């Protein structure tokens, strides 16, 4: 079987089957030994594979447009205090993808002269008054140590009780 990709278990694989007419489809196959032979179960997963490819293409497009425009994106989970940034945002901040992404890390990236202003703004306006995050401030890129001005924007998301749960920007 050409182009086989093993799944998590050794007895399941995904393969693209090419038909004599030139068309191809993806199948997920499960192979199990049985008395006197083997049992092969097959499921057509062609639509799933197309959707996965579209998702990968969309993600690649998003990454490239962020890279060209020098715009990053993030999601902050208020419950955990952890935020996840796009690769471009990590580059803007000078963070490695496996770096810790907490509120304290973000504050440490902010230019020392802007830290008090930004923590006060975040506490009073964003969390206290539940206002959209929309502020220009300076950072020090952790990797290059260069000062940069950034404009942070973030929309807030609340649960059914009105509790702030997420900020995306």
N, C-alpha and C. Protein backbone atom coordinates (compact mmCIF):
# COMPACT_ATOMS: atom_id res chain seq x y z
N UNK A 1 0.85 -1.18 0.00
CA UNK A 1 0.00 0.00 0.00
C UNK A 1 0.89 1.24 0.00
N UNK A 2 0.74 2.06 -1.03
CA UNK A 2 1.53 3.28 -1.11
C UNK A 2 0.95 4.35 -0.20
N UNK A 3 1.81 5.24 0.24
CA UNK A 3 1.40 6.41 1.02
C UNK A 3 0.61 6.06 2.28
N UNK A 4 0.95 4.98 2.93
CA UNK A 4 0.24 4.59 4.15
C UNK A 4 0.71 5.46 5.31
N UNK A 5 -0.22 5.83 6.14
CA UNK A 5 0.10 6.57 7.36
C UNK A 5 -0.45 5.76 8.51
N UNK A 6 0.41 5.30 9.38
CA UNK A 6 -0.08 4.54 10.51
C UNK A 6 -0.80 5.45 11.48
N UNK A 7 -1.87 4.94 12.02
CA UNK A 7 -2.61 5.66 13.04
C UNK A 7 -2.01 5.31 14.39
N UNK A 8 -2.70 5.63 15.49
CA UNK A 8 -2.15 5.41 16.83
C UNK A 8 -1.94 3.94 17.15
N UNK A 9 -2.82 3.08 16.69
CA UNK A 9 -2.62 1.66 16.98
C UNK A 9 -1.99 0.99 15.76
N UNK A 10 -1.22 -0.06 16.01
CA UNK A 10 -0.46 -0.71 14.95
C UNK A 10 -1.36 -1.41 13.95
N UNK A 11 -2.62 -1.70 14.29
CA UNK A 11 -3.48 -2.44 13.39
C UNK A 11 -4.45 -1.55 12.61
N UNK A 12 -4.28 -0.23 12.64
CA UNK A 12 -5.13 0.70 11.90
C UNK A 12 -4.23 1.57 11.05
N UNK A 13 -4.58 1.70 9.77
CA UNK A 13 -3.80 2.59 8.92
C UNK A 13 -4.73 3.36 8.02
N UNK A 14 -4.24 4.49 7.53
CA UNK A 14 -4.97 5.30 6.58
C UNK A 14 -4.16 5.31 5.30
N UNK A 15 -4.83 5.09 4.18
CA UNK A 15 -4.12 5.03 2.90
C UNK A 15 -4.97 5.64 1.80
N UNK A 16 -4.29 6.20 0.84
CA UNK A 16 -4.96 6.72 -0.34
C UNK A 16 -4.92 5.63 -1.40
N UNK A 17 -6.10 5.21 -1.85
CA UNK A 17 -6.19 4.15 -2.84
C UNK A 17 -6.43 4.78 -4.20
N UNK A 18 -5.57 4.44 -5.16
CA UNK A 18 -5.69 4.98 -6.51
C UNK A 18 -6.39 3.95 -7.39
N UNK A 19 -7.49 4.37 -7.99
CA UNK A 19 -8.28 3.50 -8.86
C UNK A 19 -7.70 3.53 -10.27
N UNK A 20 -7.99 2.48 -11.06
CA UNK A 20 -7.47 2.42 -12.44
C UNK A 20 -7.87 3.61 -13.31
N UNK A 21 -9.02 4.24 -13.02
CA UNK A 21 -9.45 5.39 -13.84
C UNK A 21 -8.73 6.68 -13.48
N UNK A 22 -7.78 6.61 -12.52
CA UNK A 22 -7.00 7.78 -12.12
C UNK A 22 -7.53 8.49 -10.90
N UNK A 23 -8.76 8.21 -10.50
CA UNK A 23 -9.32 8.81 -9.29
C UNK A 23 -8.72 8.14 -8.06
N UNK A 24 -8.78 8.83 -6.96
CA UNK A 24 -8.29 8.24 -5.72
C UNK A 24 -9.22 8.64 -4.58
N UNK A 25 -9.22 7.82 -3.54
CA UNK A 25 -10.00 8.07 -2.32
C UNK A 25 -9.18 7.59 -1.13
N UNK A 26 -9.43 8.21 0.02
CA UNK A 26 -8.77 7.80 1.26
C UNK A 26 -9.64 6.80 2.00
N UNK A 27 -8.99 5.79 2.57
CA UNK A 27 -9.67 4.77 3.36
C UNK A 27 -8.92 4.56 4.67
N UNK A 28 -9.68 4.27 5.70
CA UNK A 28 -9.11 3.86 6.98
C UNK A 28 -9.35 2.36 7.07
N UNK A 29 -8.26 1.63 7.33
CA UNK A 29 -8.36 0.18 7.34
C UNK A 29 -7.91 -0.36 8.68
N UNK A 30 -8.67 -1.35 9.14
CA UNK A 30 -8.32 -2.05 10.37
C UNK A 30 -8.06 -3.50 10.01
N UNK A 31 -6.89 -3.98 10.36
CA UNK A 31 -6.50 -5.35 10.02
C UNK A 31 -6.33 -6.13 11.31
N UNK A 32 -7.08 -7.23 11.43
CA UNK A 32 -7.05 -8.05 12.64
C UNK A 32 -6.82 -9.51 12.26
N UNK A 33 -5.94 -10.20 12.99
CA UNK A 33 -5.81 -11.63 12.73
C UNK A 33 -7.05 -12.37 13.26
N UNK A 34 -7.50 -13.34 12.49
CA UNK A 34 -8.60 -14.22 12.91
C UNK A 34 -8.18 -15.65 12.61
N UNK A 35 -8.89 -16.60 13.16
CA UNK A 35 -8.54 -18.01 12.94
C UNK A 35 -8.52 -18.30 11.45
N UNK A 36 -7.38 -18.74 10.97
CA UNK A 36 -7.25 -19.12 9.57
C UNK A 36 -7.04 -17.97 8.60
N UNK A 37 -6.78 -16.77 9.09
CA UNK A 37 -6.56 -15.66 8.16
C UNK A 37 -6.58 -14.31 8.84
N UNK A 38 -7.03 -13.29 8.10
CA UNK A 38 -7.12 -11.94 8.64
C UNK A 38 -8.48 -11.34 8.29
N UNK A 39 -8.88 -10.39 9.10
CA UNK A 39 -10.11 -9.64 8.87
C UNK A 39 -9.71 -8.21 8.54
N UNK A 40 -10.25 -7.68 7.46
CA UNK A 40 -9.94 -6.30 7.07
C UNK A 40 -11.25 -5.52 7.03
N UNK A 41 -11.32 -4.48 7.83
CA UNK A 41 -12.46 -3.56 7.81
C UNK A 41 -11.98 -2.26 7.19
N UNK A 42 -12.78 -1.70 6.31
CA UNK A 42 -12.38 -0.49 5.62
C UNK A 42 -13.49 0.55 5.71
N UNK A 43 -13.10 1.81 5.91
CA UNK A 43 -14.05 2.91 5.99
C UNK A 43 -13.57 4.02 5.06
N UNK A 44 -14.46 4.53 4.24
CA UNK A 44 -14.13 5.62 3.34
C UNK A 44 -14.00 6.91 4.17
N UNK A 45 -12.83 7.51 4.18
CA UNK A 45 -12.59 8.74 4.95
C UNK A 45 -12.18 9.88 4.03
N UNK A 46 -12.55 9.78 2.77
CA UNK A 46 -12.14 10.77 1.78
C UNK A 46 -12.63 12.18 2.14
N UNK A 47 -13.89 12.30 2.55
CA UNK A 47 -14.41 13.63 2.91
C UNK A 47 -13.65 14.22 4.10
N UNK A 48 -13.36 13.37 5.11
CA UNK A 48 -12.61 13.85 6.28
C UNK A 48 -11.24 14.35 5.85
N UNK A 49 -10.58 13.61 4.96
CA UNK A 49 -9.24 14.00 4.49
C UNK A 49 -9.30 15.32 3.73
N UNK A 50 -10.36 15.52 2.95
CA UNK A 50 -10.51 16.79 2.22
C UNK A 50 -10.68 17.95 3.20
N UNK A 51 -11.49 17.74 4.23
CA UNK A 51 -11.70 18.79 5.25
C UNK A 51 -10.40 19.06 6.00
N UNK A 52 -9.64 18.01 6.34
CA UNK A 52 -8.35 18.19 7.01
C UNK A 52 -7.41 19.00 6.13
N UNK A 53 -7.38 18.71 4.82
CA UNK A 53 -6.50 19.45 3.91
C UNK A 53 -6.93 20.91 3.81
N UNK A 54 -8.25 21.16 3.75
CA UNK A 54 -8.74 22.53 3.72
C UNK A 54 -8.35 23.28 4.98
N UNK A 55 -8.44 22.61 6.13
CA UNK A 55 -8.06 23.22 7.40
C UNK A 55 -6.57 23.55 7.41
N UNK A 56 -5.74 22.62 6.94
CA UNK A 56 -4.29 22.88 6.89
C UNK A 56 -3.98 24.03 5.93
N UNK A 57 -4.67 24.08 4.79
CA UNK A 57 -4.46 25.16 3.83
C UNK A 57 -4.87 26.50 4.44
N UNK A 58 -6.00 26.50 5.14
CA UNK A 58 -6.50 27.71 5.78
C UNK A 58 -5.52 28.19 6.86
N UNK A 59 -5.00 27.26 7.66
CA UNK A 59 -4.04 27.63 8.69
C UNK A 59 -2.75 28.18 8.07
N UNK A 60 -2.30 27.55 6.99
CA UNK A 60 -1.09 28.03 6.30
C UNK A 60 -1.33 29.45 5.76
N UNK A 61 -2.52 29.68 5.18
CA UNK A 61 -2.86 31.01 4.67
C UNK A 61 -2.89 32.03 5.80
N UNK A 62 -3.51 31.70 6.92
CA UNK A 62 -3.56 32.60 8.06
C UNK A 62 -2.14 32.92 8.56
N UNK A 63 -1.30 31.89 8.69
CA UNK A 63 0.07 32.11 9.15
C UNK A 63 0.83 33.02 8.20
N UNK A 64 0.67 32.81 6.91
CA UNK A 64 1.39 33.62 5.93
C UNK A 64 0.89 35.07 5.92
N UNK A 65 -0.43 35.26 6.02
CA UNK A 65 -0.95 36.63 6.03
C UNK A 65 -0.53 37.35 7.31
N UNK A 66 -0.48 36.65 8.44
CA UNK A 66 -0.01 37.28 9.68
C UNK A 66 1.47 37.64 9.55
N UNK A 67 2.24 36.75 8.94
CA UNK A 67 3.68 36.99 8.78
C UNK A 67 3.93 38.21 7.89
N UNK A 68 3.24 38.29 6.77
CA UNK A 68 3.41 39.40 5.83
C UNK A 68 2.97 40.72 6.46
N UNK A 69 1.85 40.70 7.18
CA UNK A 69 1.32 41.93 7.76
C UNK A 69 1.87 42.24 9.14
N UNK A 70 2.67 41.32 9.70
CA UNK A 70 3.24 41.48 11.03
C UNK A 70 2.16 41.68 12.09
N UNK A 71 1.11 40.87 11.97
CA UNK A 71 0.01 40.89 12.93
C UNK A 71 -0.09 39.50 13.55
N UNK A 72 -0.06 39.45 14.86
CA UNK A 72 -0.20 38.19 15.57
C UNK A 72 -1.59 38.07 16.16
N UNK A 73 -1.91 36.90 16.65
CA UNK A 73 -3.19 36.70 17.31
C UNK A 73 -3.00 35.88 18.57
N UNK A 74 -3.98 35.96 19.46
CA UNK A 74 -3.88 35.24 20.74
C UNK A 74 -5.25 34.92 21.27
N UNK A 75 -5.27 33.99 22.20
CA UNK A 75 -6.46 33.68 23.00
C UNK A 75 -5.99 33.58 24.44
N UNK A 76 -6.61 34.35 25.33
CA UNK A 76 -6.30 34.31 26.75
C UNK A 76 -7.45 33.64 27.48
N UNK A 77 -7.15 32.59 28.21
CA UNK A 77 -8.13 31.88 29.03
C UNK A 77 -8.04 32.46 30.44
N UNK A 78 -9.06 33.20 30.85
CA UNK A 78 -9.02 33.84 32.17
C UNK A 78 -9.07 32.84 33.31
N UNK A 79 -9.66 31.68 33.10
CA UNK A 79 -9.74 30.67 34.16
C UNK A 79 -8.36 30.11 34.51
N UNK A 80 -7.56 29.85 33.47
CA UNK A 80 -6.23 29.26 33.71
C UNK A 80 -5.14 30.32 33.80
N UNK A 81 -5.40 31.51 33.24
CA UNK A 81 -4.38 32.55 33.19
C UNK A 81 -3.35 32.31 32.10
N UNK A 82 -3.62 31.35 31.22
CA UNK A 82 -2.70 30.99 30.14
C UNK A 82 -3.22 31.57 28.83
N UNK A 83 -2.30 32.11 28.03
CA UNK A 83 -2.68 32.56 26.70
C UNK A 83 -1.87 31.81 25.66
N UNK A 84 -2.46 31.67 24.51
CA UNK A 84 -1.79 31.01 23.40
C UNK A 84 -1.68 32.03 22.27
N UNK A 85 -0.48 32.18 21.75
CA UNK A 85 -0.26 33.13 20.67
C UNK A 85 0.09 32.44 19.37
N UNK A 86 -0.18 33.13 18.28
CA UNK A 86 0.22 32.61 16.97
C UNK A 86 1.75 32.67 16.87
N UNK A 87 2.29 31.98 15.88
CA UNK A 87 3.74 32.01 15.67
C UNK A 87 4.24 33.43 15.46
N UNK A 88 3.46 34.22 14.73
CA UNK A 88 3.87 35.60 14.46
C UNK A 88 3.88 36.42 15.75
N UNK A 89 2.89 36.24 16.61
CA UNK A 89 2.89 36.97 17.88
C UNK A 89 4.08 36.55 18.74
N UNK A 90 4.38 35.27 18.77
CA UNK A 90 5.56 34.81 19.51
C UNK A 90 6.83 35.47 18.96
N UNK A 91 6.92 35.62 17.65
CA UNK A 91 8.08 36.28 17.04
C UNK A 91 8.12 37.76 17.41
N UNK A 92 6.97 38.42 17.38
CA UNK A 92 6.90 39.84 17.76
C UNK A 92 7.38 40.01 19.20
N UNK A 93 6.96 39.12 20.09
CA UNK A 93 7.34 39.21 21.49
C UNK A 93 8.72 38.60 21.78
N UNK A 94 9.26 37.84 20.83
CA UNK A 94 10.55 37.19 21.05
C UNK A 94 10.43 35.96 21.93
N UNK A 95 9.30 35.26 21.82
CA UNK A 95 9.07 34.04 22.61
C UNK A 95 9.26 32.81 21.73
N UNK A 96 9.71 31.76 22.34
CA UNK A 96 9.78 30.48 21.66
C UNK A 96 8.41 29.80 21.82
N UNK A 97 7.99 28.98 20.84
CA UNK A 97 6.66 28.36 20.93
C UNK A 97 6.43 27.57 22.22
N UNK A 98 7.49 26.98 22.78
CA UNK A 98 7.32 26.20 24.01
C UNK A 98 7.50 27.05 25.26
N UNK A 99 7.64 28.37 25.09
CA UNK A 99 7.76 29.27 26.24
C UNK A 99 6.47 29.29 27.04
N UNK A 100 6.61 29.63 28.29
CA UNK A 100 5.43 29.81 29.14
C UNK A 100 4.66 31.03 28.63
N UNK A 101 3.36 30.95 28.58
CA UNK A 101 2.51 32.05 28.11
C UNK A 101 1.51 32.39 29.21
N UNK A 102 1.97 33.15 30.20
CA UNK A 102 1.13 33.55 31.32
C UNK A 102 1.02 35.07 31.34
N UNK A 103 0.15 35.57 32.20
CA UNK A 103 0.01 37.01 32.37
C UNK A 103 1.34 37.63 32.80
N UNK A 104 2.04 36.99 33.73
CA UNK A 104 3.32 37.52 34.21
C UNK A 104 4.36 37.58 33.10
N UNK A 105 4.36 36.59 32.21
CA UNK A 105 5.29 36.62 31.07
C UNK A 105 4.96 37.81 30.17
N UNK A 106 3.67 38.02 29.89
CA UNK A 106 3.28 39.15 29.06
C UNK A 106 3.73 40.46 29.70
N UNK A 107 3.50 40.60 31.00
CA UNK A 107 3.91 41.84 31.69
C UNK A 107 5.42 42.02 31.59
N UNK A 108 6.18 40.94 31.68
CA UNK A 108 7.64 41.04 31.61
C UNK A 108 8.14 41.49 30.24
N UNK A 109 7.32 41.30 29.20
CA UNK A 109 7.68 41.72 27.84
C UNK A 109 7.40 43.21 27.65
N UNK A 110 6.45 43.73 28.39
CA UNK A 110 6.10 45.15 28.29
C UNK A 110 7.30 46.00 28.72
N UNK A 111 7.52 47.08 28.01
CA UNK A 111 8.60 48.01 28.35
C UNK A 111 8.45 48.41 29.82
N UNK A 112 9.55 48.41 30.57
CA UNK A 112 9.46 48.73 32.01
C UNK A 112 8.71 50.03 32.31
N UNK A 113 8.84 51.04 31.45
CA UNK A 113 8.16 52.31 31.69
C UNK A 113 6.66 52.24 31.43
N UNK A 114 6.21 51.19 30.75
CA UNK A 114 4.78 51.04 30.44
C UNK A 114 4.09 49.97 31.28
N UNK A 115 4.86 49.21 32.06
CA UNK A 115 4.28 48.09 32.80
C UNK A 115 3.18 48.52 33.78
N UNK A 116 3.42 49.53 34.57
CA UNK A 116 2.41 49.97 35.55
C UNK A 116 1.15 50.45 34.84
N UNK A 117 1.32 51.23 33.78
CA UNK A 117 0.18 51.73 33.02
C UNK A 117 -0.63 50.56 32.44
N UNK A 118 0.05 49.55 31.89
CA UNK A 118 -0.65 48.44 31.25
C UNK A 118 -1.33 47.52 32.26
N UNK A 119 -0.68 47.24 33.38
CA UNK A 119 -1.32 46.38 34.37
C UNK A 119 -2.53 47.08 34.99
N UNK A 120 -2.41 48.39 35.18
CA UNK A 120 -3.55 49.16 35.70
C UNK A 120 -4.69 49.17 34.67
N UNK A 121 -4.36 49.43 33.42
CA UNK A 121 -5.36 49.43 32.36
C UNK A 121 -6.06 48.07 32.28
N UNK A 122 -5.28 47.02 32.31
CA UNK A 122 -5.84 45.67 32.22
C UNK A 122 -6.76 45.37 33.40
N UNK A 123 -6.31 45.69 34.59
CA UNK A 123 -7.11 45.41 35.80
C UNK A 123 -8.36 46.29 35.85
N UNK A 124 -8.21 47.59 35.60
CA UNK A 124 -9.34 48.52 35.75
C UNK A 124 -10.34 48.47 34.59
N UNK A 125 -9.82 48.57 33.39
CA UNK A 125 -10.71 48.69 32.23
C UNK A 125 -11.18 47.32 31.71
N UNK A 126 -10.23 46.42 31.46
CA UNK A 126 -10.59 45.15 30.82
C UNK A 126 -11.30 44.24 31.82
N UNK A 127 -10.66 43.96 32.94
CA UNK A 127 -11.27 43.04 33.91
C UNK A 127 -12.34 43.76 34.73
N UNK A 128 -12.02 44.93 35.27
CA UNK A 128 -12.94 45.65 36.15
C UNK A 128 -14.20 46.12 35.45
N UNK A 129 -14.03 46.82 34.32
CA UNK A 129 -15.19 47.38 33.62
C UNK A 129 -15.62 46.53 32.43
N UNK A 130 -14.93 45.41 32.24
CA UNK A 130 -15.25 44.47 31.16
C UNK A 130 -15.29 45.16 29.79
N UNK A 131 -14.28 46.00 29.58
CA UNK A 131 -14.16 46.71 28.31
C UNK A 131 -13.20 45.98 27.38
N UNK A 132 -13.44 46.15 26.12
CA UNK A 132 -12.57 45.58 25.08
C UNK A 132 -11.14 46.07 25.30
N UNK A 133 -10.17 45.18 25.13
CA UNK A 133 -8.76 45.55 25.21
C UNK A 133 -8.40 46.26 23.91
N UNK A 134 -7.94 47.50 24.03
CA UNK A 134 -7.58 48.29 22.85
C UNK A 134 -6.57 49.35 23.30
N UNK A 135 -5.29 48.99 23.21
CA UNK A 135 -4.27 49.86 23.78
C UNK A 135 -2.96 49.74 23.01
N UNK A 136 -2.31 50.86 22.80
CA UNK A 136 -0.97 50.88 22.22
C UNK A 136 0.03 50.97 23.37
N UNK A 137 1.10 50.18 23.26
CA UNK A 137 2.12 50.16 24.30
C UNK A 137 3.43 49.67 23.71
N UNK A 138 4.49 49.81 24.50
CA UNK A 138 5.81 49.37 24.05
C UNK A 138 6.18 48.04 24.70
N UNK A 139 6.94 47.26 23.94
CA UNK A 139 7.48 46.01 24.47
C UNK A 139 8.98 45.98 24.24
N UNK A 140 9.63 45.06 24.91
CA UNK A 140 11.03 44.74 24.64
C UNK A 140 11.04 43.28 24.17
N UNK A 141 11.40 43.08 22.91
CA UNK A 141 11.44 41.73 22.35
C UNK A 141 12.44 40.91 23.16
N UNK A 142 12.00 39.79 23.68
CA UNK A 142 12.86 38.97 24.55
C UNK A 142 14.09 38.44 23.85
N UNK A 143 13.99 38.18 22.57
CA UNK A 143 15.11 37.59 21.84
C UNK A 143 16.09 38.65 21.35
N UNK A 144 15.57 39.69 20.69
CA UNK A 144 16.45 40.71 20.10
C UNK A 144 16.77 41.84 21.07
N UNK A 145 15.99 41.97 22.14
CA UNK A 145 16.11 43.05 23.13
C UNK A 145 15.78 44.42 22.54
N UNK A 146 15.13 44.44 21.38
CA UNK A 146 14.77 45.70 20.74
C UNK A 146 13.40 46.15 21.21
N UNK A 147 13.26 47.48 21.35
CA UNK A 147 11.99 48.08 21.72
C UNK A 147 11.09 48.14 20.49
N UNK A 148 9.82 47.81 20.70
CA UNK A 148 8.82 47.88 19.62
C UNK A 148 7.55 48.45 20.19
N UNK A 149 6.81 49.15 19.35
CA UNK A 149 5.48 49.59 19.72
C UNK A 149 4.48 48.60 19.13
N UNK A 150 3.50 48.23 19.93
CA UNK A 150 2.46 47.32 19.47
C UNK A 150 1.10 47.92 19.81
N UNK A 151 0.10 47.48 19.10
CA UNK A 151 -1.27 47.88 19.40
C UNK A 151 -2.04 46.60 19.68
N UNK A 152 -2.39 46.40 20.93
CA UNK A 152 -3.12 45.22 21.34
C UNK A 152 -4.62 45.45 21.27
N UNK A 153 -5.31 44.50 20.70
CA UNK A 153 -6.77 44.53 20.62
C UNK A 153 -7.28 43.17 21.07
N UNK A 154 -8.34 43.16 21.84
CA UNK A 154 -8.91 41.89 22.29
C UNK A 154 -10.37 42.00 22.62
N UNK A 155 -11.16 41.11 22.06
CA UNK A 155 -12.58 41.04 22.37
C UNK A 155 -12.81 40.05 23.50
N UNK A 156 -13.73 40.40 24.37
CA UNK A 156 -14.00 39.59 25.56
C UNK A 156 -15.15 38.62 25.32
N UNK A 157 -15.04 37.47 25.98
CA UNK A 157 -16.09 36.46 25.91
C UNK A 157 -16.51 36.13 27.34
N UNK A 158 -17.81 36.02 27.54
CA UNK A 158 -18.37 35.77 28.87
C UNK A 158 -19.18 34.49 28.86
N UNK A 159 -19.30 33.85 30.04
CA UNK A 159 -20.17 32.68 30.14
C UNK A 159 -21.60 33.16 30.39
N UNK A 160 -22.52 32.22 30.57
CA UNK A 160 -23.94 32.55 30.74
C UNK A 160 -24.19 33.41 31.98
N UNK A 161 -23.31 33.32 32.99
CA UNK A 161 -23.46 34.12 34.21
C UNK A 161 -22.82 35.49 34.11
N UNK A 162 -22.20 35.80 32.96
CA UNK A 162 -21.56 37.10 32.78
C UNK A 162 -20.12 37.12 33.28
N UNK A 163 -19.58 35.97 33.60
CA UNK A 163 -18.19 35.88 34.06
C UNK A 163 -17.26 35.92 32.85
N UNK A 164 -16.22 36.74 32.95
CA UNK A 164 -15.23 36.85 31.88
C UNK A 164 -14.45 35.54 31.79
N UNK A 165 -14.47 34.92 30.61
CA UNK A 165 -13.79 33.63 30.47
C UNK A 165 -12.66 33.66 29.45
N UNK A 166 -12.76 34.55 28.45
CA UNK A 166 -11.78 34.50 27.38
C UNK A 166 -11.62 35.86 26.72
N UNK A 167 -10.41 36.10 26.22
CA UNK A 167 -10.16 37.28 25.40
C UNK A 167 -9.41 36.83 24.15
N UNK A 168 -9.92 37.25 23.00
CA UNK A 168 -9.30 36.88 21.73
C UNK A 168 -8.96 38.15 20.97
N UNK A 169 -7.76 38.17 20.41
CA UNK A 169 -7.36 39.37 19.66
C UNK A 169 -6.18 39.13 18.77
